[in-house]
């Protein structure tokens, strides 16, 4: 499950996140969920589609849980503090 949280003063934004099988970032997975072992590398791409060239996306925190509850006590962090 991917949660995208953002702060903005105004506007409509489209956020996209893809996961790739290799560091070549050629073809993303098209079927989810993808099973990964602990400590196995993941190749993610996040982007915001916008005509504003000054808009920046900064992934500050990304995590997974074994359930559909994002606040599950058992969580595995991929990104912390950007």
N, C-alpha and C. Protein backbone atom coordinates (compact mmCIF):
# COMPACT_ATOMS: atom_id res chain seq x y z
N UNK A 1 0.84 -1.17 0.00
CA UNK A 1 0.00 0.00 0.00
C UNK A 1 0.89 1.23 0.00
N UNK A 2 0.57 2.20 -0.81
CA UNK A 2 1.34 3.41 -0.89
C UNK A 2 0.47 4.58 -0.45
N UNK A 3 0.95 5.34 0.52
CA UNK A 3 0.26 6.54 0.96
C UNK A 3 1.08 7.74 0.54
N UNK A 4 0.47 8.66 -0.15
CA UNK A 4 1.14 9.89 -0.54
C UNK A 4 0.49 11.03 0.21
N UNK A 5 1.26 11.69 1.06
CA UNK A 5 0.77 12.81 1.84
C UNK A 5 1.54 14.04 1.41
N UNK A 6 0.83 15.11 1.15
CA UNK A 6 1.52 16.31 0.68
C UNK A 6 0.85 17.55 1.24
N UNK A 7 1.62 18.63 1.26
CA UNK A 7 1.09 19.93 1.67
C UNK A 7 1.25 20.88 0.51
N UNK A 8 0.21 21.60 0.22
CA UNK A 8 0.24 22.57 -0.87
C UNK A 8 -0.74 23.68 -0.55
N UNK A 9 -0.45 24.87 -1.04
CA UNK A 9 -1.36 25.98 -0.81
C UNK A 9 -2.59 25.86 -1.68
N UNK A 10 -2.43 25.43 -2.92
CA UNK A 10 -3.56 25.30 -3.83
C UNK A 10 -3.14 24.49 -5.03
N UNK A 11 -4.12 24.00 -5.77
CA UNK A 11 -3.83 23.29 -7.01
C UNK A 11 -4.25 21.84 -6.96
N UNK A 12 -4.30 21.26 -8.14
CA UNK A 12 -4.57 19.84 -8.30
C UNK A 12 -3.31 19.18 -8.82
N UNK A 13 -2.93 18.09 -8.20
CA UNK A 13 -1.69 17.42 -8.57
C UNK A 13 -1.95 15.93 -8.76
N UNK A 14 -1.26 15.33 -9.69
CA UNK A 14 -1.32 13.90 -9.89
C UNK A 14 0.02 13.31 -9.47
N UNK A 15 -0.02 12.42 -8.51
CA UNK A 15 1.19 11.76 -8.03
C UNK A 15 1.22 10.34 -8.57
N UNK A 16 2.41 9.89 -8.94
CA UNK A 16 2.58 8.54 -9.46
C UNK A 16 3.73 7.86 -8.72
N UNK A 17 3.56 6.57 -8.51
CA UNK A 17 4.62 5.78 -7.90
C UNK A 17 4.67 4.44 -8.61
N UNK A 18 5.86 4.08 -9.07
CA UNK A 18 6.06 2.79 -9.74
C UNK A 18 7.18 2.04 -9.04
N UNK A 19 7.12 0.73 -9.15
CA UNK A 19 8.15 -0.14 -8.59
C UNK A 19 8.72 -0.97 -9.73
N UNK A 20 10.04 -1.08 -9.76
CA UNK A 20 10.74 -1.76 -10.85
C UNK A 20 11.50 -2.98 -10.33
N UNK A 21 11.66 -3.99 -11.16
CA UNK A 21 12.38 -5.19 -10.72
C UNK A 21 13.90 -5.01 -10.67
N UNK A 22 14.44 -4.03 -11.42
CA UNK A 22 15.90 -3.84 -11.45
C UNK A 22 16.25 -2.36 -11.39
N UNK A 23 17.51 -2.07 -11.17
CA UNK A 23 17.99 -0.70 -11.11
C UNK A 23 18.02 -0.03 -12.48
N UNK A 24 17.69 -0.74 -13.54
CA UNK A 24 17.64 -0.15 -14.88
C UNK A 24 16.39 0.71 -15.06
N UNK A 25 15.39 0.52 -14.23
CA UNK A 25 14.14 1.30 -14.29
C UNK A 25 13.53 1.29 -15.69
N UNK A 26 13.50 0.13 -16.32
CA UNK A 26 12.98 0.05 -17.69
C UNK A 26 11.48 -0.21 -17.73
N UNK A 27 11.02 -1.28 -17.11
CA UNK A 27 9.61 -1.64 -17.14
C UNK A 27 9.13 -1.90 -15.72
N UNK A 28 8.16 -1.10 -15.25
CA UNK A 28 7.70 -1.32 -13.87
C UNK A 28 6.86 -2.59 -13.76
N UNK A 29 6.74 -3.07 -12.53
CA UNK A 29 5.82 -4.17 -12.28
C UNK A 29 4.42 -3.72 -12.70
N UNK A 30 3.62 -4.66 -13.21
CA UNK A 30 2.25 -4.32 -13.56
C UNK A 30 1.24 -5.10 -12.73
N UNK A 31 1.73 -5.96 -11.84
CA UNK A 31 0.87 -6.73 -10.95
C UNK A 31 1.35 -6.54 -9.51
N UNK A 32 0.41 -6.20 -8.64
CA UNK A 32 0.74 -6.00 -7.23
C UNK A 32 -0.18 -6.88 -6.39
N UNK A 33 0.20 -7.27 -5.19
CA UNK A 33 1.42 -6.88 -4.49
C UNK A 33 2.64 -7.61 -5.01
N UNK A 34 3.79 -7.01 -4.79
CA UNK A 34 5.09 -7.61 -5.13
C UNK A 34 5.70 -8.08 -3.82
N UNK A 35 6.12 -9.31 -3.78
CA UNK A 35 6.71 -9.85 -2.56
C UNK A 35 8.21 -9.62 -2.58
N UNK A 36 8.73 -9.06 -1.50
CA UNK A 36 10.16 -8.81 -1.34
C UNK A 36 10.60 -9.36 0.00
N UNK A 37 11.81 -9.84 0.07
CA UNK A 37 12.39 -10.29 1.33
C UNK A 37 12.96 -9.10 2.08
N UNK A 38 13.04 -9.22 3.41
CA UNK A 38 13.68 -8.16 4.19
C UNK A 38 15.09 -7.94 3.69
N UNK A 39 15.49 -6.69 3.61
CA UNK A 39 16.81 -6.26 3.15
C UNK A 39 17.03 -6.45 1.65
N UNK A 40 16.03 -6.90 0.92
CA UNK A 40 16.15 -6.97 -0.54
C UNK A 40 15.93 -5.58 -1.12
N UNK A 41 16.75 -5.19 -2.07
CA UNK A 41 16.65 -3.86 -2.65
C UNK A 41 15.34 -3.68 -3.39
N UNK A 42 14.82 -2.45 -3.31
CA UNK A 42 13.60 -2.08 -4.02
C UNK A 42 13.93 -0.87 -4.89
N UNK A 43 13.33 -0.82 -6.05
CA UNK A 43 13.59 0.27 -6.99
C UNK A 43 12.27 0.99 -7.25
N UNK A 44 12.12 2.16 -6.64
CA UNK A 44 10.89 2.92 -6.70
C UNK A 44 11.10 4.23 -7.43
N UNK A 45 10.08 4.65 -8.14
CA UNK A 45 10.08 5.96 -8.78
C UNK A 45 8.81 6.68 -8.33
N UNK A 46 8.98 7.87 -7.80
CA UNK A 46 7.84 8.71 -7.44
C UNK A 46 7.95 10.01 -8.22
N UNK A 47 6.80 10.50 -8.68
CA UNK A 47 6.83 11.76 -9.42
C UNK A 47 5.48 12.43 -9.32
N UNK A 48 5.49 13.72 -9.55
CA UNK A 48 4.27 14.50 -9.61
C UNK A 48 4.17 15.06 -11.03
N UNK A 49 3.00 14.92 -11.61
CA UNK A 49 2.78 15.43 -12.96
C UNK A 49 2.24 16.85 -12.85
N UNK A 50 3.01 17.79 -13.37
CA UNK A 50 2.62 19.19 -13.28
C UNK A 50 3.35 20.00 -14.34
N UNK A 51 2.74 21.09 -14.76
CA UNK A 51 3.40 22.02 -15.68
C UNK A 51 4.30 23.00 -14.94
N UNK A 52 4.25 22.98 -13.61
CA UNK A 52 5.07 23.87 -12.79
C UNK A 52 6.46 23.27 -12.62
N UNK A 53 7.44 23.82 -13.29
CA UNK A 53 8.80 23.28 -13.25
C UNK A 53 9.47 23.51 -11.89
N UNK A 54 8.91 24.35 -11.04
CA UNK A 54 9.48 24.62 -9.72
C UNK A 54 8.95 23.66 -8.65
N UNK A 55 7.97 22.87 -9.01
CA UNK A 55 7.38 21.94 -8.05
C UNK A 55 8.33 20.77 -7.82
N UNK A 56 8.55 20.46 -6.54
CA UNK A 56 9.49 19.40 -6.16
C UNK A 56 8.75 18.39 -5.28
N UNK A 57 9.00 17.13 -5.52
CA UNK A 57 8.45 16.06 -4.70
C UNK A 57 9.57 15.53 -3.82
N UNK A 58 9.36 15.54 -2.51
CA UNK A 58 10.37 15.07 -1.57
C UNK A 58 9.77 13.95 -0.73
N UNK A 59 10.08 12.68 -1.06
CA UNK A 59 9.57 11.57 -0.24
C UNK A 59 10.26 11.55 1.11
N UNK A 60 9.53 11.90 2.16
CA UNK A 60 10.10 12.00 3.50
C UNK A 60 10.04 10.68 4.25
N UNK A 61 8.95 9.92 4.04
CA UNK A 61 8.79 8.66 4.77
C UNK A 61 8.02 7.67 3.90
N UNK A 62 8.49 6.45 3.86
CA UNK A 62 7.83 5.38 3.12
C UNK A 62 7.97 4.11 3.95
N UNK A 63 6.84 3.40 4.15
CA UNK A 63 6.89 2.19 4.95
C UNK A 63 5.84 1.20 4.49
N UNK A 64 6.00 -0.02 4.95
CA UNK A 64 5.04 -1.09 4.64
C UNK A 64 4.64 -1.76 5.95
N UNK A 65 3.43 -2.30 5.94
CA UNK A 65 2.94 -3.08 7.08
C UNK A 65 2.41 -4.41 6.56
N UNK A 66 2.38 -5.43 7.40
CA UNK A 66 1.85 -6.72 6.95
C UNK A 66 0.33 -6.74 6.84
N UNK A 67 -0.32 -5.65 7.22
CA UNK A 67 -1.77 -5.56 7.13
C UNK A 67 -2.14 -4.33 6.30
N UNK A 68 -3.42 -4.11 6.13
CA UNK A 68 -3.87 -2.93 5.38
C UNK A 68 -3.91 -1.69 6.27
N UNK A 69 -3.57 -1.82 7.55
CA UNK A 69 -3.57 -0.70 8.49
C UNK A 69 -2.21 0.01 8.43
N UNK A 70 -2.17 1.26 7.95
CA UNK A 70 -0.89 1.96 7.87
C UNK A 70 -0.28 2.26 9.23
N UNK A 71 -1.08 2.17 10.32
CA UNK A 71 -0.58 2.41 11.67
C UNK A 71 -0.31 1.11 12.42
N UNK A 72 -0.22 0.00 11.70
CA UNK A 72 0.08 -1.30 12.30
C UNK A 72 1.37 -1.19 13.12
N UNK A 73 1.41 -1.82 14.30
CA UNK A 73 2.61 -1.78 15.14
C UNK A 73 3.83 -2.37 14.45
N UNK A 74 3.61 -3.31 13.57
CA UNK A 74 4.71 -3.92 12.83
C UNK A 74 4.84 -3.17 11.50
N UNK A 75 5.86 -2.35 11.38
CA UNK A 75 6.07 -1.55 10.17
C UNK A 75 7.53 -1.66 9.75
N UNK A 76 7.76 -1.64 8.46
CA UNK A 76 9.11 -1.73 7.89
C UNK A 76 9.37 -0.48 7.07
N UNK A 77 10.31 0.33 7.51
CA UNK A 77 10.60 1.61 6.86
C UNK A 77 11.55 1.42 5.68
N UNK A 78 11.23 2.07 4.57
CA UNK A 78 12.10 2.11 3.40
C UNK A 78 12.82 3.46 3.34
N UNK A 79 12.09 4.51 3.70
CA UNK A 79 12.66 5.86 3.72
C UNK A 79 12.23 6.50 5.04
N UNK A 80 13.19 7.09 5.74
CA UNK A 80 12.90 7.84 6.95
C UNK A 80 13.67 9.15 6.90
N UNK A 81 13.02 10.25 7.18
CA UNK A 81 13.63 11.57 7.15
C UNK A 81 14.25 11.89 5.80
N UNK A 82 13.57 11.48 4.75
CA UNK A 82 14.00 11.79 3.39
C UNK A 82 15.28 11.13 3.03
